[in-house]
PDB file of all heavy atoms in Angstrom:
ATOM      1  N   ILE A   1       9.538  77.023   2.082  1.00  0.00           N
ATOM      2  CA  ILE A   1       8.496  77.048   3.109  1.00  0.00           C
ATOM      3  C   ILE A   1       7.201  76.430   2.591  1.00  0.00           C
ATOM      4  O   ILE A   1       6.576  75.615   3.278  1.00  0.00           O
ATOM      5  CB  ILE A   1       8.235  78.492   3.599  1.00  0.00           C
ATOM      6  CG1 ILE A   1       9.473  79.048   4.308  1.00  0.00           C
ATOM      7  CG2 ILE A   1       7.024  78.538   4.527  1.00  0.00           C
ATOM      8  CD1 ILE A   1       9.911  78.268   5.533  1.00  0.00           C
ATOM      9  N   TYR A   2       6.800  76.788   1.370  1.00  0.00           N
ATOM     10  CA  TYR A   2       5.541  76.280   0.833  1.00  0.00           C
ATOM     11  C   TYR A   2       5.655  74.841   0.340  1.00  0.00           C
ATOM     12  O   TYR A   2       4.788  74.008   0.603  1.00  0.00           O
ATOM     13  CB  TYR A   2       5.058  77.151  -0.341  1.00  0.00           C
ATOM     14  CG  TYR A   2       4.577  78.525   0.040  1.00  0.00           C
ATOM     15  CD1 TYR A   2       4.946  79.642  -0.710  1.00  0.00           C
ATOM     16  CD2 TYR A   2       3.748  78.731   1.133  1.00  0.00           C
ATOM     17  CE1 TYR A   2       4.504  80.908  -0.380  1.00  0.00           C
ATOM     18  CE2 TYR A   2       3.303  79.995   1.475  1.00  0.00           C
ATOM     19  CZ  TYR A   2       3.684  81.076   0.712  1.00  0.00           C
ATOM     20  OH  TYR A   2       3.243  82.332   1.048  1.00  0.00           O
ATOM     21  N   ASP A   3       6.733  74.551  -0.394  1.00  0.00           N
ATOM     22  CA  ASP A   3       6.817  73.278  -1.115  1.00  0.00           C
ATOM     23  C   ASP A   3       7.807  72.288  -0.513  1.00  0.00           C
ATOM     24  O   ASP A   3       7.785  71.109  -0.853  1.00  0.00           O
ATOM     25  CB  ASP A   3       7.200  73.542  -2.580  1.00  0.00           C
ATOM     26  CG  ASP A   3       6.281  74.565  -3.241  1.00  0.00           C
ATOM     27  OD1 ASP A   3       5.067  74.510  -2.975  1.00  0.00           O
ATOM     28  OD2 ASP A   3       6.783  75.419  -3.992  1.00  0.00           O
ATOM     29  N   GLY A   4       8.700  72.772   0.339  1.00  0.00           N
ATOM     30  CA  GLY A   4       9.674  71.877   0.955  1.00  0.00           C
ATOM     31  C   GLY A   4      10.933  71.684   0.140  1.00  0.00           C
ATOM     32  O   GLY A   4      11.827  70.930   0.518  1.00  0.00           O
ATOM     33  N   TYR A   5      11.031  72.359  -0.999  1.00  0.00           N
ATOM     34  CA  TYR A   5      12.228  72.262  -1.827  1.00  0.00           C
ATOM     35  C   TYR A   5      12.391  73.567  -2.596  1.00  0.00           C
ATOM     36  O   TYR A   5      11.501  74.413  -2.617  1.00  0.00           O
ATOM     37  CB  TYR A   5      12.115  71.094  -2.806  1.00  0.00           C
ATOM     38  CG  TYR A   5      10.972  71.227  -3.790  1.00  0.00           C
ATOM     39  CD1 TYR A   5      11.138  71.909  -4.996  1.00  0.00           C
ATOM     40  CD2 TYR A   5       9.723  70.690  -3.509  1.00  0.00           C
ATOM     41  CE1 TYR A   5      10.091  72.064  -5.878  1.00  0.00           C
ATOM     42  CE2 TYR A   5       8.662  70.838  -4.396  1.00  0.00           C
ATOM     43  CZ  TYR A   5       8.852  71.512  -5.568  1.00  0.00           C
ATOM     44  OH  TYR A   5       7.805  71.678  -6.453  1.00  0.00           O
ATOM     45  N   TYR A   6      13.534  73.726  -3.240  1.00  0.00           N
ATOM     46  CA  TYR A   6      13.748  74.893  -4.082  1.00  0.00           C
ATOM     47  C   TYR A   6      14.628  74.488  -5.252  1.00  0.00           C
ATOM     48  O   TYR A   6      15.348  73.492  -5.191  1.00  0.00           O
ATOM     49  CB  TYR A   6      14.408  76.041  -3.292  1.00  0.00           C
ATOM     50  CG  TYR A   6      15.859  75.796  -2.949  1.00  0.00           C
ATOM     51  CD1 TYR A   6      16.878  76.354  -3.708  1.00  0.00           C
ATOM     52  CD2 TYR A   6      16.223  74.978  -1.869  1.00  0.00           C
ATOM     53  CE1 TYR A   6      18.214  76.130  -3.409  1.00  0.00           C
ATOM     54  CE2 TYR A   6      17.545  74.756  -1.565  1.00  0.00           C
ATOM     55  CZ  TYR A   6      18.537  75.325  -2.334  1.00  0.00           C
ATOM     56  OH  TYR A   6      19.846  75.094  -2.036  1.00  0.00           O
ATOM     57  N   TYR A   7      14.548  75.269  -6.315  1.00  0.00           N
ATOM     58  CA  TYR A   7      15.377  75.007  -7.487  1.00  0.00           C
ATOM     59  C   TYR A   7      16.789  75.509  -7.207  1.00  0.00           C
ATOM     60  O   TYR A   7      17.006  76.699  -6.965  1.00  0.00           O
ATOM     61  CB  TYR A   7      14.797  75.708  -8.718  1.00  0.00           C
ATOM     62  CG  TYR A   7      15.671  75.595  -9.937  1.00  0.00           C
ATOM     63  CD1 TYR A   7      15.855  74.374 -10.579  1.00  0.00           C
ATOM     64  CD2 TYR A   7      16.343  76.713 -10.428  1.00  0.00           C
ATOM     65  CE1 TYR A   7      16.673  74.270 -11.681  1.00  0.00           C
ATOM     66  CE2 TYR A   7      17.164  76.623 -11.540  1.00  0.00           C
ATOM     67  CZ  TYR A   7      17.327  75.398 -12.161  1.00  0.00           C
ATOM     68  OH  TYR A   7      18.143  75.289 -13.253  1.00  0.00           O
ATOM     69  N   HIS A   8      17.742  74.597  -7.204  1.00  0.00           N
ATOM     70  CA  HIS A   8      19.115  74.942  -6.828  1.00  0.00           C
ATOM     71  C   HIS A   8      19.686  76.041  -7.722  1.00  0.00           C
ATOM     72  O   HIS A   8      19.962  77.134  -7.283  1.00  0.00           O
ATOM     73  CB  HIS A   8      20.006  73.691  -6.908  1.00  0.00           C
ATOM     74  CG  HIS A   8      20.454  73.224  -5.571  1.00  0.00           C
ATOM     75  ND1 HIS A   8      21.471  73.817  -4.869  1.00  0.00           N
ATOM     76  CD2 HIS A   8      19.994  72.225  -4.789  1.00  0.00           C
ATOM     77  CE1 HIS A   8      21.638  73.189  -3.723  1.00  0.00           C
ATOM     78  NE2 HIS A   8      20.750  72.221  -3.639  1.00  0.00           N
ATOM     79  N   GLY A   9      19.830  75.713  -8.972  1.00  0.00           N
ATOM     80  CA  GLY A   9      20.406  76.685  -9.886  1.00  0.00           C
ATOM     81  C   GLY A   9      21.764  77.170  -9.412  1.00  0.00           C
ATOM     82  O   GLY A   9      22.466  76.517  -8.663  1.00  0.00           O
ATOM     83  N   ASP A  10      22.112  78.347  -9.837  1.00  0.00           N
ATOM     84  CA  ASP A  10      23.392  78.948  -9.444  1.00  0.00           C
ATOM     85  C   ASP A  10      23.089  80.157  -8.559  1.00  0.00           C
ATOM     86  O   ASP A  10      22.899  81.264  -9.040  1.00  0.00           O
ATOM     87  CB  ASP A  10      24.173  79.374 -10.698  1.00  0.00           C
ATOM     88  CG  ASP A  10      25.513  80.025 -10.319  1.00  0.00           C
ATOM     89  OD1 ASP A  10      25.983  79.770  -9.202  1.00  0.00           O
ATOM     90  OD2 ASP A  10      26.042  80.776 -11.148  1.00  0.00           O
ATOM     91  N   ASN A  11      22.979  79.926  -7.259  1.00  0.00           N
ATOM     92  CA  ASN A  11      22.697  81.041  -6.369  1.00  0.00           C
ATOM     93  C   ASN A  11      23.679  81.050  -5.215  1.00  0.00           C
ATOM     94  O   ASN A  11      24.207  80.020  -4.816  1.00  0.00           O
ATOM     95  CB  ASN A  11      21.250  80.983  -5.857  1.00  0.00           C
ATOM     96  CG  ASN A  11      21.050  79.865  -4.850  1.00  0.00           C
ATOM     97  OD1 ASN A  11      21.382  80.020  -3.679  1.00  0.00           O
ATOM     98  ND2 ASN A  11      20.520  78.730  -5.291  1.00  0.00           N
ATOM     99  N   LYS A  12      23.902  82.233  -4.686  1.00  0.00           N
ATOM    100  CA  LYS A  12      24.904  82.410  -3.639  1.00  0.00           C
ATOM    101  C   LYS A  12      24.300  82.394  -2.241  1.00  0.00           C
ATOM    102  O   LYS A  12      25.011  82.545  -1.252  1.00  0.00           O
ATOM    103  CB  LYS A  12      25.627  83.735  -3.844  1.00  0.00           C
ATOM    104  CG  LYS A  12      24.720  84.958  -3.662  1.00  0.00           C
ATOM    105  CD  LYS A  12      25.499  86.247  -3.856  1.00  0.00           C
ATOM    106  CE  LYS A  12      24.633  87.474  -3.597  1.00  0.00           C
ATOM    107  NZ  LYS A  12      25.363  88.732  -3.778  1.00  0.00           N
ATOM    108  N   PHE A  13      22.975  82.214  -2.172  1.00  0.00           N
ATOM    109  CA  PHE A  13      22.307  82.393  -0.895  1.00  0.00           C
ATOM    110  C   PHE A  13      22.345  81.160  -0.001  1.00  0.00           C
ATOM    111  O   PHE A  13      22.721  81.238   1.163  1.00  0.00           O
ATOM    112  CB  PHE A  13      20.847  82.810  -1.115  1.00  0.00           C
ATOM    113  CG  PHE A  13      20.713  84.095  -1.863  1.00  0.00           C
ATOM    114  CD1 PHE A  13      20.081  84.129  -3.094  1.00  0.00           C
ATOM    115  CD2 PHE A  13      21.222  85.283  -1.348  1.00  0.00           C
ATOM    116  CE1 PHE A  13      19.948  85.310  -3.785  1.00  0.00           C
ATOM    117  CE2 PHE A  13      21.094  86.466  -2.038  1.00  0.00           C
ATOM    118  CZ  PHE A  13      20.451  86.484  -3.260  1.00  0.00           C
ATOM    119  N   PHE A  14      21.948  80.028  -0.545  1.00  0.00           N
ATOM    120  CA  PHE A  14      21.756  78.873   0.315  1.00  0.00           C
ATOM    121  C   PHE A  14      23.044  78.093   0.528  1.00  0.00           C
ATOM    122  O   PHE A  14      23.179  76.944   0.138  1.00  0.00           O
ATOM    123  CB  PHE A  14      20.640  77.988  -0.218  1.00  0.00           C
ATOM    124  CG  PHE A  14      19.271  78.530   0.101  1.00  0.00           C
ATOM    125  CD1 PHE A  14      18.167  78.142  -0.619  1.00  0.00           C
ATOM    126  CD2 PHE A  14      19.105  79.450   1.137  1.00  0.00           C
ATOM    127  CE1 PHE A  14      16.905  78.653  -0.318  1.00  0.00           C
ATOM    128  CE2 PHE A  14      17.856  79.962   1.440  1.00  0.00           C
ATOM    129  CZ  PHE A  14      16.757  79.566   0.721  1.00  0.00           C
ATOM    130  N   VAL A  15      24.008  78.766   1.130  1.00  0.00           N
ATOM    131  CA  VAL A  15      25.193  78.071   1.621  1.00  0.00           C
ATOM    132  C   VAL A  15      24.777  77.319   2.879  1.00  0.00           C
ATOM    133  O   VAL A  15      23.689  77.513   3.414  1.00  0.00           O
ATOM    134  CB  VAL A  15      26.335  79.066   1.921  1.00  0.00           C
ATOM    135  CG1 VAL A  15      26.820  79.692   0.636  1.00  0.00           C
ATOM    136  CG2 VAL A  15      25.870  80.144   2.890  1.00  0.00           C
ATOM    137  N   SER A  16      25.617  76.476   3.390  1.00  0.00           N
ATOM    138  CA  SER A  16      25.220  75.498   4.403  1.00  0.00           C
ATOM    139  C   SER A  16      24.536  76.101   5.626  1.00  0.00           C
ATOM    140  O   SER A  16      23.471  75.641   6.051  1.00  0.00           O
ATOM    141  CB  SER A  16      26.432  74.676   4.827  1.00  0.00           C
ATOM    142  OG  SER A  16      27.449  75.524   5.344  1.00  0.00           O
ATOM    143  N   ASP A  17      25.121  77.148   6.227  1.00  0.00           N
ATOM    144  CA  ASP A  17      24.559  77.699   7.459  1.00  0.00           C
ATOM    145  C   ASP A  17      23.170  78.298   7.238  1.00  0.00           C
ATOM    146  O   ASP A  17      22.249  78.082   8.027  1.00  0.00           O
ATOM    147  CB  ASP A  17      25.488  78.780   8.031  1.00  0.00           C
ATOM    148  CG  ASP A  17      26.771  78.193   8.601  1.00  0.00           C
ATOM    149  OD1 ASP A  17      26.789  76.966   8.834  1.00  0.00           O
ATOM    150  OD2 ASP A  17      27.737  78.946   8.804  1.00  0.00           O
ATOM    151  N   LEU A  18      23.019  79.049   6.148  1.00  0.00           N
ATOM    152  CA  LEU A  18      21.741  79.685   5.865  1.00  0.00           C
ATOM    153  C   LEU A  18      20.678  78.639   5.526  1.00  0.00           C
ATOM    154  O   LEU A  18      19.536  78.712   6.000  1.00  0.00           O
ATOM    155  CB  LEU A  18      21.900  80.679   4.718  1.00  0.00           C
ATOM    156  CG  LEU A  18      20.708  81.596   4.421  1.00  0.00           C
ATOM    157  CD1 LEU A  18      20.289  82.365   5.667  1.00  0.00           C
ATOM    158  CD2 LEU A  18      21.056  82.567   3.302  1.00  0.00           C
ATOM    159  N   LEU A  19      21.043  77.674   4.728  1.00  0.00           N
ATOM    160  CA  LEU A  19      20.108  76.615   4.361  1.00  0.00           C
ATOM    161  C   LEU A  19      19.678  75.829   5.601  1.00  0.00           C
ATOM    162  O   LEU A  19      18.511  75.454   5.745  1.00  0.00           O
ATOM    163  CB  LEU A  19      20.751  75.677   3.338  1.00  0.00           C
ATOM    164  CG  LEU A  19      19.859  74.560   2.775  1.00  0.00           C
ATOM    165  CD1 LEU A  19      18.614  75.134   2.127  1.00  0.00           C
ATOM    166  CD2 LEU A  19      20.640  73.717   1.777  1.00  0.00           C
ATOM    167  N   HIS A  20      20.618  75.605   6.510  1.00  0.00           N
ATOM    168  CA  HIS A  20      20.307  74.893   7.750  1.00  0.00           C
ATOM    169  C   HIS A  20      19.255  75.659   8.560  1.00  0.00           C
ATOM    170  O   HIS A  20      18.315  75.057   9.103  1.00  0.00           O
ATOM    171  CB  HIS A  20      21.585  74.724   8.581  1.00  0.00           C
ATOM    172  CG  HIS A  20      21.338  74.159   9.944  1.00  0.00           C
ATOM    173  ND1 HIS A  20      21.079  72.824  10.176  1.00  0.00           N
ATOM    174  CD2 HIS A  20      21.297  74.773  11.170  1.00  0.00           C
ATOM    175  CE1 HIS A  20      20.890  72.631  11.471  1.00  0.00           C
ATOM    176  NE2 HIS A  20      21.020  73.784  12.085  1.00  0.00           N
ATOM    177  N   LEU A  21      19.391  76.974   8.644  1.00  0.00           N
ATOM    178  CA  LEU A  21      18.442  77.782   9.399  1.00  0.00           C
ATOM    179  C   LEU A  21      17.056  77.772   8.764  1.00  0.00           C
ATOM    180  O   LEU A  21      16.038  77.670   9.461  1.00  0.00           O
ATOM    181  CB  LEU A  21      18.956  79.225   9.501  1.00  0.00           C
ATOM    182  CG  LEU A  21      20.128  79.467  10.450  1.00  0.00           C
ATOM    183  CD1 LEU A  21      20.681  80.875  10.270  1.00  0.00           C
ATOM    184  CD2 LEU A  21      19.698  79.248  11.903  1.00  0.00           C
ATOM    185  N   VAL A  22      17.000  77.885   7.436  1.00  0.00           N
ATOM    186  CA  VAL A  22      15.699  77.889   6.759  1.00  0.00           C
ATOM    187  C   VAL A  22      15.014  76.538   6.929  1.00  0.00           C
ATOM    188  O   VAL A  22      13.797  76.462   7.173  1.00  0.00           O
ATOM    189  CB  VAL A  22      15.857  78.236   5.262  1.00  0.00           C
ATOM    190  CG1 VAL A  22      14.512  78.137   4.548  1.00  0.00           C
ATOM    191  CG2 VAL A  22      16.431  79.638   5.107  1.00  0.00           C
ATOM    192  N   ARG A  23      15.779  75.461   6.830  1.00  0.00           N
ATOM    193  CA  ARG A  23      15.188  74.130   7.033  1.00  0.00           C
ATOM    194  C   ARG A  23      14.741  73.932   8.473  1.00  0.00           C
ATOM    195  O   ARG A  23      13.730  73.260   8.730  1.00  0.00           O
ATOM    196  CB  ARG A  23      16.185  73.055   6.604  1.00  0.00           C
ATOM    197  CG  ARG A  23      16.287  72.938   5.078  1.00  0.00           C
ATOM    198  CD  ARG A  23      17.284  71.895   4.649  1.00  0.00           C
ATOM    199  NE  ARG A  23      17.189  71.675   3.203  1.00  0.00           N
ATOM    200  CZ  ARG A  23      18.139  71.118   2.478  1.00  0.00           C
ATOM    201  NH1 ARG A  23      19.281  70.740   3.057  1.00  0.00           N
ATOM    202  NH2 ARG A  23      17.989  70.941   1.182  1.00  0.00           N
ATOM    203  N   ALA A  24      15.464  74.513   9.421  1.00  0.00           N
ATOM    204  CA  ALA A  24      15.050  74.450  10.830  1.00  0.00           C
ATOM    205  C   ALA A  24      13.719  75.167  11.020  1.00  0.00           C
ATOM    206  O   ALA A  24      12.839  74.709  11.763  1.00  0.00           O
ATOM    207  CB  ALA A  24      16.124  75.054  11.725  1.00  0.00           C
ATOM    208  N   LEU A  25      13.553  76.312  10.348  1.00  0.00           N
ATOM    209  CA  LEU A  25      12.289  77.044  10.407  1.00  0.00           C
ATOM    210  C   LEU A  25      11.171  76.221   9.772  1.00  0.00           C
ATOM    211  O   LEU A  25      10.057  76.149  10.317  1.00  0.00           O
ATOM    212  CB  LEU A  25      12.438  78.388   9.703  1.00  0.00           C
ATOM    213  CG  LEU A  25      11.177  79.256   9.602  1.00  0.00           C
ATOM    214  CD1 LEU A  25      10.634  79.600  10.987  1.00  0.00           C
ATOM    215  CD2 LEU A  25      11.472  80.540   8.818  1.00  0.00           C
ATOM    216  N   LYS A  26      11.447  75.599   8.643  1.00  0.00           N
ATOM    217  CA  LYS A  26      10.455  74.750   7.981  1.00  0.00           C
ATOM    218  C   LYS A  26      10.012  73.627   8.913  1.00  0.00           C
ATOM    219  O   LYS A  26       8.810  73.347   9.036  1.00  0.00           O
ATOM    220  CB  LYS A  26      11.053  74.181   6.689  1.00  0.00           C
ATOM    221  CG  LYS A  26      10.193  73.141   5.975  1.00  0.00           C
ATOM    222  CD  LYS A  26       8.892  73.713   5.462  1.00  0.00           C
ATOM    223  CE  LYS A  26       8.112  72.672   4.671  1.00  0.00           C
ATOM    224  NZ  LYS A  26       6.774  73.164   4.271  1.00  0.00           N
ATOM    225  N   ARG A  27      10.958  72.996   9.593  1.00  0.00           N
ATOM    226  CA  ARG A  27      10.614  71.922  10.530  1.00  0.00           C
ATOM    227  C   ARG A  27       9.796  72.465  11.704  1.00  0.00           C
ATOM    228  O   ARG A  27       8.879  71.804  12.205  1.00  0.00           O
ATOM    229  CB  ARG A  27      11.874  71.237  11.051  1.00  0.00           C
ATOM    230  CG  ARG A  27      12.581  70.369  10.022  1.00  0.00           C
ATOM    231  CD  ARG A  27      13.632  69.485  10.688  1.00  0.00           C
ATOM    232  NE  ARG A  27      14.668  70.283  11.343  1.00  0.00           N
ATOM    233  CZ  ARG A  27      15.780  70.705  10.751  1.00  0.00           C
ATOM    234  NH1 ARG A  27      16.001  70.421   9.460  1.00  0.00           N
ATOM    235  NH2 ARG A  27      16.688  71.409  11.414  1.00  0.00           N
ATOM    236  N   ASN A  28      10.133  73.668  12.146  1.00  0.00           N
ATOM    237  CA  ASN A  28       9.442  74.283  13.276  1.00  0.00           C
ATOM    238  C   ASN A  28       7.952  74.459  12.996  1.00  0.00           C
ATOM    239  O   ASN A  28       7.116  74.251  13.886  1.00  0.00           O
ATOM    240  CB  ASN A  28      10.092  75.631  13.597  1.00  0.00           C
ATOM    241  CG  ASN A  28       9.478  76.317  14.804  1.00  0.00           C
ATOM    242  OD1 ASN A  28       8.346  76.773  14.762  1.00  0.00           O
ATOM    243  ND2 ASN A  28      10.248  76.406  15.883  1.00  0.00           N
ATOM    244  N   ILE A  29       7.602  74.848  11.773  1.00  0.00           N
ATOM    245  CA  ILE A  29       6.200  75.157  11.470  1.00  0.00           C
ATOM    246  C   ILE A  29       5.458  74.003  10.817  1.00  0.00           C
ATOM    247  O   ILE A  29       4.241  74.096  10.611  1.00  0.00           O
ATOM    248  CB  ILE A  29       6.094  76.402  10.560  1.00  0.00           C
ATOM    249  CG1 ILE A  29       6.683  76.126   9.175  1.00  0.00           C
ATOM    250  CG2 ILE A  29       6.766  77.605  11.212  1.00  0.00           C
ATOM    251  CD1 ILE A  29       6.443  77.251   8.182  1.00  0.00           C
ATOM    252  N   GLU A  30       6.173  72.914  10.497  1.00  0.00           N
ATOM    253  CA  GLU A  30       5.526  71.813   9.781  1.00  0.00           C
ATOM    254  C   GLU A  30       4.304  71.270  10.502  1.00  0.00           C
ATOM    255  O   GLU A  30       3.311  70.921   9.876  1.00  0.00           O
ATOM    256  CB  GLU A  30       6.534  70.683   9.533  1.00  0.00           C
ATOM    257  CG  GLU A  30       7.283  70.812   8.241  1.00  0.00           C
ATOM    258  CD  GLU A  30       8.265  69.677   8.023  1.00  0.00           C
ATOM    259  OE1 GLU A  30       8.634  68.994   9.005  1.00  0.00           O
ATOM    260  OE2 GLU A  30       8.662  69.485   6.865  1.00  0.00           O
ATOM    261  N   ASN A  31       4.376  71.146  11.813  1.00  0.00           N
ATOM    262  CA  ASN A  31       3.276  70.571  12.583  1.00  0.00           C
ATOM    263  C   ASN A  31       2.577  71.613  13.445  1.00  0.00           C
ATOM    264  O   ASN A  31       2.069  71.298  14.518  1.00  0.00           O
ATOM    265  CB  ASN A  31       3.800  69.431  13.459  1.00  0.00           C
ATOM    266  CG  ASN A  31       4.310  68.273  12.626  1.00  0.00           C
ATOM    267  OD1 ASN A  31       3.632  67.795  11.723  1.00  0.00           O
ATOM    268  ND2 ASN A  31       5.531  67.830  12.916  1.00  0.00           N
ATOM    269  N   GLN A  32       2.552  72.856  12.954  1.00  0.00           N
ATOM    270  CA  GLN A  32       1.848  73.915  13.656  1.00  0.00           C
ATOM    271  C   GLN A  32       0.768  74.504  12.753  1.00  0.00           C
ATOM    272  O   GLN A  32       0.886  74.515  11.524  1.00  0.00           O
ATOM    273  CB  GLN A  32       2.819  75.012  14.104  1.00  0.00           C
ATOM    274  CG  GLN A  32       3.830  74.542  15.148  1.00  0.00           C
ATOM    275  CD  GLN A  32       4.461  75.710  15.880  1.00  0.00           C
ATOM    276  OE1 GLN A  32       3.854  76.304  16.759  1.00  0.00           O
ATOM    277  NE2 GLN A  32       5.694  76.034  15.520  1.00  0.00           N
ATOM    278  N   PHE A  33      -0.280  74.997  13.401  1.00  0.00           N
ATOM    279  CA  PHE A  33      -1.434  75.539  12.678  1.00  0.00           C
ATOM    280  C   PHE A  33      -1.860  76.826  13.381  1.00  0.00           C
ATOM    281  O   PHE A  33      -1.892  76.884  14.614  1.00  0.00           O
ATOM    282  CB  PHE A  33      -2.596  74.548  12.694  1.00  0.00           C
ATOM    283  CG  PHE A  33      -2.227  73.172  12.196  1.00  0.00           C
ATOM    284  CD1 PHE A  33      -1.745  72.217  13.079  1.00  0.00           C
ATOM    285  CD2 PHE A  33      -2.356  72.845  10.859  1.00  0.00           C
ATOM    286  CE1 PHE A  33      -1.395  70.946  12.642  1.00  0.00           C
ATOM    287  CE2 PHE A  33      -2.009  71.580  10.411  1.00  0.00           C
ATOM    288  CZ  PHE A  33      -1.523  70.633  11.299  1.00  0.00           C
TER     289      PHE A  33
END
C-alpha cells in the first residue's frame, strides 16, 4: 500500500487471488485523497 511493492521471500500469503485483491485496492486508492 505504501510503496507499491513487497519483499517476496518465502511467504504463504500472497497467492494469486489474495495478491490480486490487494493490488486492486492499491489501484483503487492511488488517485484518491
